[in-house]
Protein backbone atom coordinates (compact mmCIF):
# COMPACT_ATOMS: atom_id res chain seq x y z
CA UNK A 1 151.00 183.97 69.21
CA UNK A 2 148.82 181.71 71.32
CA UNK A 3 147.76 178.37 69.81
CA UNK A 4 145.00 176.26 71.35
CA UNK A 5 143.94 172.66 70.81
CA UNK A 6 140.82 172.45 68.60
CA UNK A 7 137.73 171.51 70.56
CA UNK A 8 133.94 171.67 70.43
CA UNK A 9 132.61 175.09 71.51
CA UNK A 10 130.39 174.92 74.59
CA UNK A 11 127.23 176.09 72.76
CA UNK A 12 127.35 172.84 70.78
CA UNK A 13 126.65 170.92 73.98
CA UNK A 14 122.88 171.08 74.35
CA UNK A 15 121.97 170.30 77.98
CA UNK A 16 118.52 169.24 76.83
CA UNK A 17 120.03 166.40 74.80
CA UNK A 18 120.82 163.29 76.80
CA UNK A 19 124.24 161.94 75.90
CA UNK A 20 124.41 158.33 74.83
CA UNK A 21 125.78 155.99 77.49
CA UNK A 22 125.22 152.69 75.69
CA UNK A 23 125.84 151.21 72.22
CA UNK A 24 123.04 151.70 69.68
CA UNK A 25 120.36 149.04 69.68
CA UNK A 26 119.69 146.87 66.61
CA UNK A 27 116.53 148.89 65.97
CA UNK A 28 118.44 152.18 66.14
CA UNK A 29 121.03 150.79 63.70
CA UNK A 30 118.25 149.72 61.34
CA UNK A 31 116.61 153.15 61.44
CA UNK A 32 119.95 154.91 60.92
CA UNK A 33 120.80 152.62 57.99
CA UNK A 34 117.46 153.35 56.33
CA UNK A 35 117.95 157.09 56.73
CA UNK A 36 121.42 156.94 55.20
CA UNK A 37 120.18 154.77 52.33
CA UNK A 38 117.36 157.24 51.63
CA UNK A 39 119.83 160.13 51.81
CA UNK A 40 122.15 158.49 49.26
CA UNK A 41 119.77 156.65 46.94
CA UNK A 42 119.11 159.63 44.65
CA UNK A 43 122.68 160.84 44.75
CA UNK A 44 125.06 160.63 41.85
CA UNK A 45 127.83 162.68 43.38
CA UNK A 46 127.71 162.57 47.19
CA UNK A 47 130.81 163.55 49.13
CA UNK A 48 131.79 161.60 52.25
CA UNK A 49 133.91 163.28 54.94
CA UNK A 50 135.37 161.00 57.63
CA UNK A 51 137.12 161.41 60.97
CA UNK A 52 138.87 159.37 63.64
CA UNK A 53 135.72 157.50 64.67
CA UNK A 54 135.88 155.55 61.40
CA UNK A 55 139.19 153.91 62.39
CA UNK A 56 138.33 152.94 65.98
CA UNK A 57 137.32 149.41 64.97
CA UNK A 58 140.73 149.05 63.31
CA UNK A 59 142.41 149.52 66.69
CA UNK A 60 143.24 153.22 66.38
CA UNK A 61 141.49 155.11 69.14
CA UNK A 62 139.70 158.39 68.64
CA UNK A 63 140.64 161.50 70.58
CA UNK A 64 137.14 162.03 71.94
CA UNK A 65 134.54 159.81 73.53
CA UNK A 66 130.77 159.81 73.06
CA UNK A 67 130.46 162.92 75.26
CA UNK A 68 132.64 164.93 72.86
CA UNK A 69 135.46 165.41 75.38
CA UNK A 70 139.03 164.11 75.17
CA UNK A 71 139.21 160.56 76.50
CA UNK A 72 142.64 161.37 77.93
CA UNK A 73 142.21 164.61 79.93
CA UNK A 74 146.00 164.97 80.19
CA UNK A 75 146.49 164.87 76.42
CA UNK A 76 149.27 167.27 75.41
CA UNK A 77 150.09 167.27 71.70
CA UNK A 78 153.29 168.68 70.26
CA UNK A 79 152.65 171.84 68.27
CA UNK A 80 154.08 172.52 64.85
CA UNK A 81 156.34 175.41 65.92
CA UNK A 82 157.75 173.26 68.72
CA UNK A 83 158.55 170.38 66.39
CA UNK A 84 160.29 172.44 63.70
CA UNK A 85 162.24 174.73 66.04
CA UNK A 86 165.88 174.30 64.83
CA UNK A 87 167.32 175.00 68.28
CA UNK A 88 167.98 172.70 71.26
CA UNK A 89 164.41 173.07 72.52
CA UNK A 90 163.05 171.92 69.18
CA UNK A 91 165.47 168.99 69.16
CA UNK A 92 164.11 167.91 72.54
CA UNK A 93 160.55 168.05 71.20
CA UNK A 94 161.59 165.93 68.20
CA UNK A 95 163.15 163.39 70.55
CA UNK A 96 159.88 163.20 72.43
CA UNK A 97 157.77 162.98 69.27
CA UNK A 98 159.84 160.45 67.36
CA UNK A 99 160.37 158.15 70.36
CA UNK A 100 156.62 157.99 70.96
CA UNK A 101 155.89 157.73 67.26
CA UNK A 102 158.49 154.96 66.94
CA UNK A 103 156.38 152.88 69.33
CA UNK A 104 153.05 154.02 67.90
CA UNK A 105 153.66 153.62 64.17
CA UNK A 106 153.75 149.79 63.88
CA UNK A 107 150.09 149.39 64.94
CA UNK A 108 149.12 152.02 62.35
CA UNK A 109 151.31 150.33 59.72
CA UNK A 110 149.72 146.94 60.44
CA UNK A 111 146.13 148.13 60.94
CA UNK A 112 143.55 146.80 58.51
CA UNK A 113 140.39 148.46 57.21
CA UNK A 114 137.20 147.67 59.10
CA UNK A 115 133.66 147.30 57.70
CA UNK A 116 133.10 151.07 57.72
CA UNK A 117 136.09 151.62 55.42
CA UNK A 118 134.83 148.93 53.07
CA UNK A 119 131.26 150.27 53.12
CA UNK A 120 132.51 153.71 52.09
CA UNK A 121 134.72 152.12 49.42
CA UNK A 122 131.62 150.32 48.11
CA UNK A 123 129.77 153.65 47.90
CA UNK A 124 132.67 154.96 45.83
CA UNK A 125 132.76 151.89 43.60
CA UNK A 126 128.99 151.99 42.97
CA UNK A 127 129.12 155.69 42.12
CA UNK A 128 126.94 156.95 44.97
CA UNK A 129 129.84 158.80 46.61
CA UNK A 130 132.78 158.87 44.18
CA UNK A 131 134.87 161.30 46.24
CA UNK A 132 136.04 161.16 49.85
CA UNK A 133 137.73 163.62 52.20
CA UNK A 134 139.30 162.10 55.30
CA UNK A 135 140.82 163.80 58.32
CA UNK A 136 142.56 160.52 59.18
CA UNK A 137 146.28 160.08 58.56
CA UNK A 138 146.34 156.27 58.85
CA UNK A 139 145.90 155.42 55.15
CA UNK A 140 143.12 152.89 55.81
CA UNK A 141 140.80 154.32 53.16
CA UNK A 142 143.58 153.68 50.66
CA UNK A 143 143.93 150.08 51.86
CA UNK A 144 140.17 149.54 51.45
CA UNK A 145 139.97 151.11 48.00
CA UNK A 146 139.03 148.88 45.04
CA UNK A 147 140.82 151.25 42.68
CA UNK A 148 144.44 151.53 41.57
CA UNK A 149 146.77 153.57 43.80
CA UNK A 150 146.75 156.41 41.27
CA UNK A 151 142.97 156.52 41.00
CA UNK A 152 142.60 156.17 44.76
CA UNK A 153 144.76 159.25 45.27
CA UNK A 154 142.45 161.12 42.91
CA UNK A 155 139.34 159.93 44.77
CA UNK A 156 140.58 160.26 48.37
CA UNK A 157 141.77 163.61 49.72
CA UNK A 158 143.79 163.29 52.93
CA UNK A 159 142.93 166.65 54.49
CA UNK A 160 145.53 166.39 57.26
CA UNK A 161 148.16 164.38 55.39
CA UNK A 162 149.60 160.90 55.92
CA UNK A 163 151.80 159.19 58.49
CA UNK A 164 153.41 157.02 55.84
CA UNK A 165 155.96 159.55 54.63
CA UNK A 166 158.47 161.82 56.39
CA UNK A 167 160.00 165.01 55.04
CA UNK A 168 162.55 167.70 55.87
CA UNK A 169 162.17 171.49 55.35
CA UNK A 170 163.99 171.18 52.00
CA UNK A 171 161.32 168.91 50.47
CA UNK A 172 163.21 165.63 50.68
CA UNK A 173 160.76 162.80 51.29
CA UNK A 174 161.44 159.51 53.06
CA UNK A 175 159.27 156.41 53.13
CA UNK A 176 158.18 155.82 56.71
CA UNK A 177 159.09 152.12 56.62
CA UNK A 178 162.68 153.07 55.78
CA UNK A 179 162.63 155.78 58.43
CA UNK A 180 161.33 153.31 61.01
CA UNK A 181 164.24 150.96 60.23
CA UNK A 182 166.66 153.88 60.65
CA UNK A 183 165.17 154.68 64.05
CA UNK A 184 165.64 151.05 65.09
CA UNK A 185 169.28 151.06 64.00
CA UNK A 186 170.10 154.31 65.79
CA UNK A 187 168.19 153.40 68.96
CA UNK A 188 168.89 149.73 69.83
CA UNK A 189 167.65 150.11 73.42
CA UNK A 190 164.34 151.45 72.16
CA UNK A 191 164.18 148.60 69.65
CA UNK A 192 164.63 146.15 72.54
CA UNK A 193 161.94 148.01 74.50
CA UNK A 194 159.54 147.83 71.54
CA UNK A 195 160.27 144.11 71.08
CA UNK A 196 159.57 143.50 74.76
CA UNK A 197 156.24 145.34 74.53
CA UNK A 198 155.38 143.18 71.53
CA UNK A 199 156.42 139.97 73.29
CA UNK A 200 154.43 140.70 76.44
CA UNK A 201 151.40 142.05 74.62
CA UNK A 202 151.59 145.26 76.65
CA UNK A 203 151.76 147.65 73.74
CA UNK A 204 150.39 151.14 74.54
CA UNK A 205 147.36 152.24 72.55
CA UNK A 206 148.05 154.33 69.48
CA UNK A 207 146.57 157.81 69.08
CA UNK A 208 145.07 158.90 65.74
CA UNK A 209 148.23 160.89 64.97
CA UNK A 210 150.41 157.78 65.31
CA UNK A 211 152.11 158.32 68.66
CA UNK A 212 151.46 156.75 72.07
CA UNK A 213 151.08 157.95 75.63
CA UNK A 214 153.91 156.61 77.77
CA UNK A 215 154.78 157.76 81.26
CA UNK A 216 157.99 157.50 83.24
CA UNK A 217 160.18 157.23 80.15
CA UNK A 218 162.99 159.68 79.35
CA UNK A 219 163.45 160.80 75.77
CA UNK A 220 166.79 162.62 76.03
CA UNK A 221 168.82 159.62 74.84
CA UNK A 222 166.70 159.05 71.73
CA UNK A 223 168.67 159.63 68.52
CA UNK A 224 166.78 161.54 65.83
CA UNK A 225 168.08 160.80 62.31
CA UNK A 226 169.34 163.48 59.97
CA UNK A 227 168.06 163.85 56.43
CA UNK A 228 170.24 161.61 54.26
CA UNK A 229 169.53 163.55 51.06
CA UNK A 230 170.50 166.88 52.66
CA UNK A 231 173.81 165.38 53.76
CA UNK A 232 174.57 163.79 50.38
CA UNK A 233 173.50 166.69 48.15
CA UNK A 234 174.63 169.68 50.18
CA UNK A 235 176.70 168.40 53.10
CA UNK A 236 173.98 169.89 55.28
CA UNK A 237 173.12 168.37 58.66
CA UNK A 238 169.34 168.58 59.02
CA UNK A 239 167.39 166.80 61.77
CA UNK A 240 164.17 168.82 61.46
CA UNK A 241 162.12 165.93 60.12
CA UNK A 242 158.37 165.49 60.47
CA UNK A 243 155.71 163.17 59.09
CA UNK A 244 153.64 164.60 56.26
CA UNK A 245 150.75 165.33 58.60
CA UNK A 246 149.30 168.67 59.68
CA UNK A 247 150.24 169.33 63.29
CA UNK A 248 148.37 171.52 65.75
CA UNK A 249 149.25 175.11 64.87
CA UNK A 250 150.08 174.23 61.25
CA UNK A 251 147.87 175.20 58.31
CA UNK A 252 146.86 172.81 55.58
CA UNK A 253 148.36 173.62 52.20
CA UNK A 254 146.57 176.03 49.87
CA UNK A 255 146.19 173.27 47.25
CA UNK A 256 144.58 170.90 49.76
CA UNK A 257 142.28 173.63 51.07
CA UNK A 258 141.14 174.67 47.59
CA UNK A 259 140.61 171.07 46.50
CA UNK A 260 138.49 170.38 49.59
CA UNK A 261 136.36 173.43 48.78
CA UNK A 262 135.95 172.29 45.17
CA UNK A 263 134.87 168.80 46.23
CA UNK A 264 132.14 170.26 48.43
CA UNK A 265 130.96 172.63 45.70
CA UNK A 266 130.92 169.86 43.05
CA UNK A 267 128.99 167.40 45.22
CA UNK A 268 125.19 167.16 45.38
CA UNK A 269 125.16 166.29 49.12
CA UNK A 270 127.56 165.64 51.99
CA UNK A 271 127.69 162.72 54.45
CA UNK A 272 129.91 163.22 57.52
CA UNK A 273 130.97 160.04 59.32
CA UNK A 274 132.78 159.53 62.63
CA UNK A 275 133.87 163.11 63.26
CA UNK A 276 133.18 165.85 65.78
CA UNK A 277 134.45 168.44 63.26
CA UNK A 278 136.48 170.02 66.07
CA UNK A 279 139.21 171.15 63.66
CA UNK A 280 138.25 174.21 61.66
CA UNK A 281 139.63 172.76 58.41
CA UNK A 282 136.84 170.15 58.54
CA UNK A 283 134.14 172.24 60.24
CA UNK A 284 134.29 174.88 57.52
CA UNK A 285 133.51 172.22 54.91
CA UNK A 286 130.21 171.48 56.66
CA UNK A 287 129.53 175.22 56.82
CA UNK A 288 130.36 175.58 53.13
CA UNK A 289 127.99 172.76 52.18
CA UNK A 290 125.14 174.41 54.08
CA UNK A 291 125.94 177.79 52.53
CA UNK A 292 125.64 176.15 49.11
CA UNK A 293 122.31 174.60 50.15
CA UNK A 294 123.62 171.05 49.96
CA UNK A 295 121.78 168.37 51.97
CA UNK A 296 124.07 167.38 54.86
CA UNK A 297 123.83 164.30 57.08
CA UNK A 298 125.95 163.57 60.16
CA UNK A 299 126.65 160.04 61.47
CA UNK A 300 128.50 160.24 64.76
CA UNK A 301 128.38 159.17 68.41
CA UNK A 302 128.08 162.22 70.65
CA UNK A 303 127.99 165.98 70.07
CA UNK A 304 129.80 167.74 67.23
CA UNK A 305 130.88 171.25 66.42
CA UNK A 306 128.29 171.27 63.62
CA UNK A 307 125.36 170.85 66.01
CA UNK A 308 124.93 174.63 66.14
CA UNK A 309 124.61 174.99 62.37
CA UNK A 310 121.21 175.53 60.85
CA UNK A 311 119.98 175.76 57.28
């Protein structure tokens, strides 16, 4: 089976539309704000769907620039089947992933919500947009929420999961902070390397999925932990561990998919913010909203996969 990286189909790029090469002007921001306010003012149950662009001002870069293309043309993600392969090849992929994620997680852990997160939280609090679907795995919408953790989980659906927990194939879950400490203990040279990056201020930029791009570094000495619960309960050695995020080539759970559909159907309109909708799991929500004759508004820099959709 061939798996490809989600992208924006070529028809979505309209050659007649001039791509933005500069930040929006104050007047453009004013006009956009008025249009969004008008879109939401009569709503009692709007649904907001967000993507990586929302977290850029929190220091977590998006995959794509304002032209809709990957900012790093050499970007090579690890696919789900590679990560969970129980053989030696899979172990090598896990060494690569967890070493890069070890360096990339602290900036995600320490990131703080930016004004966009708080503006969306205010829309939830005021009742204009009580529900939110996010493609982001950084947890920043939860940090910005004015509600209790339990109520926030009911109001915010993380379509592609969260970086803040790790699990094995046998449904044992590990808090990522604990897992990060375990990685430090097992890999003292990498801990020293991370401390040196912190000291010199030369930390690599973190991708939306929580890893970093580093070149010239070998991963074959990186020690991947085994699941402690598997060892204690069954004497089983299990090092197939992954964050609770949806990897390329992995499907979202049936429960998450059905809940996302229900949220679209129950809403009276949909506002999409900071997303190209390149992944089908998000794109189909925009399609579903249009099929149900919901008003849909897109707020994004650059082209999106939804540009070809028409009422």
